[in-house]
């Protein structure tokens, strides 16, 4: 009886841990069903701009727009005789006013969506897609922030070096769990933002992060006769009123002698 009770408990815990996460597959569709498409050198590029909550939830665990993130679904259908370099880092999304929309990595997207954070971005081309601005501070060290904790601010006389949280922080184990202080990034996660946070297990969080990563385009070439249909993530200042006017630009590369422009 005891063994049965333990078994039932394990089944219940597994169900609870995985109840919130539902992996969604990408169903293939024909090129003419996409919002924009271009064929060049026997390669067809087709794309959808996903800015609406409903459209995003068709593919992801939760909507992204609550965290100021949009996704572009890009299908590369290679019917040519040579491989096509995708070179994801060089792909650019331009807003209707011509401004570049910053790219966001899958890990940033997952972190924002899981914790209900808002992503804001200031990017410079040819630098890593995400970086923390110089004004970004941990709220625990900012006296103007209601979450300020003087015992954790080295600049405050009340700083307590013996506080276990300060010891953990020195060794890279921050119990606060915030994204502050991450090197080499240019997107800032704002914990005061909107979105719907969830009390997810660590295992479930890993599943969500893996799902976003698996659905992200990679830079590896698309071989002849193959199709790659995945997503690119971008950070917007606010929800776009419409997708019309946005442009996705793929610069020349191996298997793509001319720049490919997809207009939504």
Protein backbone atom coordinates (compact mmCIF):
# COMPACT_ATOMS: atom_id res chain seq x y z
CA UNK A 1 0.00 0.00 0.00
CA UNK A 2 2.83 2.37 0.89
CA UNK A 3 4.57 1.69 -2.43
CA UNK A 4 1.33 2.42 -4.29
CA UNK A 5 0.93 5.71 -2.42
CA UNK A 6 4.47 6.75 -3.34
CA UNK A 7 3.84 5.86 -6.97
CA UNK A 8 0.62 7.88 -7.06
CA UNK A 9 2.43 10.83 -5.46
CA UNK A 10 5.15 10.72 -8.11
CA UNK A 11 2.57 10.65 -10.89
CA UNK A 12 0.76 13.61 -9.32
CA UNK A 13 3.96 15.66 -9.01
CA UNK A 14 4.92 14.91 -12.61
CA UNK A 15 1.52 16.04 -13.79
CA UNK A 16 1.71 19.26 -11.81
CA UNK A 17 5.22 20.07 -13.06
CA UNK A 18 4.30 19.59 -16.70
CA UNK A 19 0.74 20.90 -16.59
CA UNK A 20 1.67 24.44 -17.59
CA UNK A 21 4.06 23.61 -20.41
CA UNK A 22 2.65 22.45 -23.72
CA UNK A 23 5.10 22.08 -26.59
CA UNK A 24 3.56 23.18 -29.88
CA UNK A 25 4.73 21.87 -33.21
CA UNK A 26 5.26 23.92 -36.35
CA UNK A 27 2.95 22.64 -39.02
CA UNK A 28 4.41 23.12 -42.51
CA UNK A 29 2.53 25.23 -45.02
CA UNK A 30 2.93 26.23 -48.64
CA UNK A 31 4.98 29.32 -49.55
CA UNK A 32 1.94 31.15 -50.93
CA UNK A 33 0.27 30.86 -47.52
CA UNK A 34 2.89 33.13 -45.88
CA UNK A 35 2.49 36.89 -45.56
CA UNK A 36 5.59 37.53 -47.68
CA UNK A 37 7.65 35.40 -50.05
CA UNK A 38 10.47 35.77 -52.58
CA UNK A 39 12.14 33.21 -54.84
CA UNK A 40 15.74 33.76 -55.93
CA UNK A 41 18.21 31.28 -57.47
CA UNK A 42 15.78 28.36 -56.97
CA UNK A 43 15.44 29.17 -53.27
CA UNK A 44 12.15 30.38 -51.83
CA UNK A 45 12.11 32.57 -48.71
CA UNK A 46 8.71 32.90 -47.03
CA UNK A 47 7.92 34.71 -43.80
CA UNK A 48 5.16 35.60 -41.34
CA UNK A 49 5.36 38.51 -38.89
CA UNK A 50 3.85 37.37 -35.58
CA UNK A 51 2.95 40.30 -33.37
CA UNK A 52 -0.52 39.34 -32.15
CA UNK A 53 -0.98 37.35 -28.96
CA UNK A 54 -3.23 34.80 -30.65
CA UNK A 55 -0.77 34.11 -33.46
CA UNK A 56 2.14 33.75 -31.06
CA UNK A 57 0.27 31.29 -28.85
CA UNK A 58 -0.25 29.05 -31.86
CA UNK A 59 3.48 28.30 -31.76
CA UNK A 60 4.78 29.09 -28.29
CA UNK A 61 4.19 28.22 -24.65
CA UNK A 62 2.87 31.73 -23.97
CA UNK A 63 2.44 34.89 -25.96
CA UNK A 64 5.58 37.02 -26.41
CA UNK A 65 4.09 40.45 -27.01
CA UNK A 66 3.40 40.87 -23.28
CA UNK A 67 7.18 41.01 -22.94
CA UNK A 68 7.56 43.38 -25.93
CA UNK A 69 8.80 40.57 -28.17
CA UNK A 70 7.67 39.68 -31.67
CA UNK A 71 8.61 36.66 -33.74
CA UNK A 72 9.22 36.25 -37.45
CA UNK A 73 8.57 32.82 -38.90
CA UNK A 74 11.01 32.30 -41.76
CA UNK A 75 10.90 29.30 -44.09
CA UNK A 76 13.86 28.69 -46.42
CA UNK A 77 12.95 26.20 -49.16
CA UNK A 78 16.06 25.20 -51.06
CA UNK A 79 15.29 23.70 -54.45
CA UNK A 80 18.66 24.73 -55.86
CA UNK A 81 21.81 22.73 -56.46
CA UNK A 82 23.94 24.24 -53.69
CA UNK A 83 23.61 24.93 -49.99
CA UNK A 84 22.37 28.30 -48.77
CA UNK A 85 24.06 30.12 -45.90
CA UNK A 86 21.47 31.62 -43.60
CA UNK A 87 23.85 33.65 -41.37
CA UNK A 88 21.22 34.53 -38.79
CA UNK A 89 23.33 37.27 -37.18
CA UNK A 90 23.21 39.31 -40.39
CA UNK A 91 19.44 39.17 -40.89
CA UNK A 92 17.79 42.52 -40.16
CA UNK A 93 14.20 43.47 -39.34
CA UNK A 94 13.33 47.09 -40.14
CA UNK A 95 10.33 48.98 -38.79
CA UNK A 96 8.12 51.09 -41.11
CA UNK A 97 10.18 54.18 -40.21
CA UNK A 98 13.39 52.42 -41.28
CA UNK A 99 14.70 51.86 -37.73
CA UNK A 100 16.26 48.50 -37.04
CA UNK A 101 14.39 46.23 -34.63
CA UNK A 102 16.88 44.58 -32.23
CA UNK A 103 17.25 40.81 -32.36
CA UNK A 104 16.81 38.82 -29.13
CA UNK A 105 18.28 35.44 -28.22
CA UNK A 106 16.13 32.46 -27.29
CA UNK A 107 17.45 32.48 -23.71
CA UNK A 108 16.37 36.09 -23.20
CA UNK A 109 12.93 35.35 -24.65
CA UNK A 110 12.42 32.33 -22.40
CA UNK A 111 13.55 34.22 -19.30
CA UNK A 112 11.25 37.14 -20.06
CA UNK A 113 8.21 34.99 -20.78
CA UNK A 114 8.70 32.70 -17.79
CA UNK A 115 9.16 35.53 -15.30
CA UNK A 116 6.64 37.95 -16.78
CA UNK A 117 9.33 40.51 -17.60
CA UNK A 118 9.40 43.20 -20.26
CA UNK A 119 12.33 43.41 -22.65
CA UNK A 120 13.56 46.82 -23.68
CA UNK A 121 16.40 47.20 -26.13
CA UNK A 122 18.98 49.64 -27.36
CA UNK A 123 21.13 48.03 -29.99
CA UNK A 124 24.04 48.95 -32.21
CA UNK A 125 24.60 46.91 -35.34
CA UNK A 126 27.66 44.68 -35.56
CA UNK A 127 27.67 44.22 -31.80
CA UNK A 128 26.15 41.35 -29.80
CA UNK A 129 22.35 41.44 -30.29
CA UNK A 130 21.74 42.13 -26.62
CA UNK A 131 23.54 44.28 -24.03
CA UNK A 132 22.90 45.95 -20.71
CA UNK A 133 23.02 49.72 -20.79
CA UNK A 134 25.28 51.60 -18.41
CA UNK A 135 22.28 52.90 -16.48
CA UNK A 136 21.03 49.42 -15.70
CA UNK A 137 21.32 48.65 -11.99
CA UNK A 138 20.26 45.90 -9.70
CA UNK A 139 17.22 47.38 -7.88
CA UNK A 140 18.66 46.21 -4.58
CA UNK A 141 21.45 48.77 -4.99
CA UNK A 142 19.31 51.64 -6.24
CA UNK A 143 18.08 53.84 -3.33
CA UNK A 144 15.26 55.19 -5.51
CA UNK A 145 13.84 51.70 -6.03
CA UNK A 146 11.32 50.35 -3.47
CA UNK A 147 13.19 47.03 -3.52
CA UNK A 148 16.38 48.72 -2.33
CA UNK A 149 18.18 46.80 0.41
CA UNK A 150 20.92 48.85 2.17
CA UNK A 151 22.47 45.72 3.67
CA UNK A 152 23.32 44.57 0.14
CA UNK A 153 24.66 47.87 -1.21
CA UNK A 154 28.47 48.11 -0.81
CA UNK A 155 28.17 51.91 -1.07
CA UNK A 156 25.83 52.13 1.92
CA UNK A 157 27.18 52.34 5.52
CA UNK A 158 24.60 49.73 6.49
CA UNK A 159 26.11 47.18 4.08
CA UNK A 160 26.53 43.78 5.73
CA UNK A 161 29.38 41.74 4.20
CA UNK A 162 28.38 38.78 6.37
CA UNK A 163 24.90 38.58 4.88
CA UNK A 164 24.63 35.13 3.21
CA UNK A 165 23.10 36.78 0.15
CA UNK A 166 26.23 38.90 -0.36
CA UNK A 167 28.47 35.87 0.02
CA UNK A 168 26.38 33.95 -2.52
CA UNK A 169 26.47 36.88 -4.93
CA UNK A 170 30.26 37.00 -4.81
CA UNK A 171 30.37 33.38 -5.88
CA UNK A 172 27.88 33.86 -8.70
CA UNK A 173 24.92 32.24 -6.93
CA UNK A 174 22.45 35.10 -6.74
CA UNK A 175 19.35 34.06 -4.74
CA UNK A 176 17.48 37.06 -6.13
CA UNK A 177 17.40 35.33 -9.49
CA UNK A 178 17.58 38.55 -11.48
CA UNK A 179 19.26 39.13 -14.85
CA UNK A 180 21.31 42.12 -13.66
CA UNK A 181 25.05 42.12 -14.10
CA UNK A 182 25.12 39.80 -17.10
CA UNK A 183 28.14 40.62 -19.30
CA UNK A 184 28.03 41.26 -23.04
CA UNK A 185 24.32 41.81 -23.40
CA UNK A 186 22.29 44.80 -24.80
CA UNK A 187 18.69 43.90 -23.91
CA UNK A 188 17.46 44.81 -20.45
CA UNK A 189 14.85 42.77 -18.65
CA UNK A 190 12.60 45.06 -16.65
CA UNK A 191 11.08 43.24 -13.64
CA UNK A 192 8.53 46.01 -13.23
CA UNK A 193 6.97 45.21 -16.60
CA UNK A 194 3.78 43.44 -17.51
CA UNK A 195 3.19 39.87 -18.56
CA UNK A 196 1.93 36.93 -16.60
CA UNK A 197 4.53 35.30 -14.39
CA UNK A 198 4.17 31.70 -13.41
CA UNK A 199 5.38 29.60 -10.50
CA UNK A 200 7.07 26.99 -12.65
CA UNK A 201 9.30 24.17 -11.56
CA UNK A 202 12.93 24.26 -12.58
CA UNK A 203 12.36 21.26 -14.82
CA UNK A 204 9.46 22.92 -16.57
CA UNK A 205 11.50 26.09 -17.04
CA UNK A 206 14.21 24.06 -18.74
CA UNK A 207 11.61 22.61 -21.09
CA UNK A 208 10.37 26.07 -22.00
CA UNK A 209 13.89 27.36 -22.62
CA UNK A 210 14.70 24.33 -24.76
CA UNK A 211 11.51 24.82 -26.77
CA UNK A 212 12.37 28.44 -27.60
CA UNK A 213 15.91 27.39 -28.49
CA UNK A 214 14.78 24.52 -30.71
CA UNK A 215 12.47 26.85 -32.64
CA UNK A 216 15.14 29.48 -33.22
CA UNK A 217 16.81 29.62 -36.64
CA UNK A 218 20.43 28.48 -36.73
CA UNK A 219 23.19 29.80 -38.95
CA UNK A 220 24.07 26.42 -40.45
CA UNK A 221 23.52 26.20 -44.23
CA UNK A 222 20.26 24.86 -45.66
CA UNK A 223 21.24 21.91 -47.89
CA UNK A 224 19.85 21.36 -51.42
CA UNK A 225 16.41 19.74 -51.34
CA UNK A 226 15.82 20.72 -47.69
CA UNK A 227 13.52 23.22 -45.97
CA UNK A 228 14.20 25.02 -42.71
CA UNK A 229 11.13 26.59 -41.12
CA UNK A 230 11.84 28.29 -37.78
CA UNK A 231 11.68 31.61 -35.95
CA UNK A 232 13.63 34.77 -35.26
CA UNK A 233 12.89 36.86 -32.14
CA UNK A 234 12.96 40.66 -31.95
CA UNK A 235 12.38 43.26 -29.24
CA UNK A 236 9.92 46.11 -29.92
CA UNK A 237 9.28 49.24 -27.86
CA UNK A 238 5.54 48.62 -27.95
CA UNK A 239 3.05 46.35 -29.63
CA UNK A 240 2.90 47.19 -33.36
CA UNK A 241 -0.45 48.59 -34.44
CA UNK A 242 -0.05 46.63 -37.69
CA UNK A 243 2.55 44.43 -39.34
CA UNK A 244 2.33 46.31 -42.64
CA UNK A 245 5.49 48.24 -43.45
CA UNK A 246 7.96 45.97 -41.67
CA UNK A 247 10.78 44.54 -43.79
CA UNK A 248 13.02 41.51 -43.32
CA UNK A 249 16.36 41.78 -45.13
CA UNK A 250 18.71 38.86 -45.80
CA UNK A 251 22.08 40.06 -47.16
CA UNK A 252 23.97 38.25 -49.96
CA UNK A 253 25.67 35.02 -48.91
CA UNK A 254 26.64 31.65 -50.29
CA UNK A 255 23.71 30.40 -52.39
CA UNK A 256 22.17 33.89 -52.27
CA UNK A 257 23.98 36.21 -54.70
CA UNK A 258 21.59 39.12 -54.11
CA UNK A 259 19.99 40.58 -51.01
CA UNK A 260 16.55 39.11 -50.34
CA UNK A 261 13.90 41.54 -49.12
CA UNK A 262 10.64 40.34 -47.60
CA UNK A 263 8.03 43.06 -47.18
CA UNK A 264 5.10 42.50 -44.82
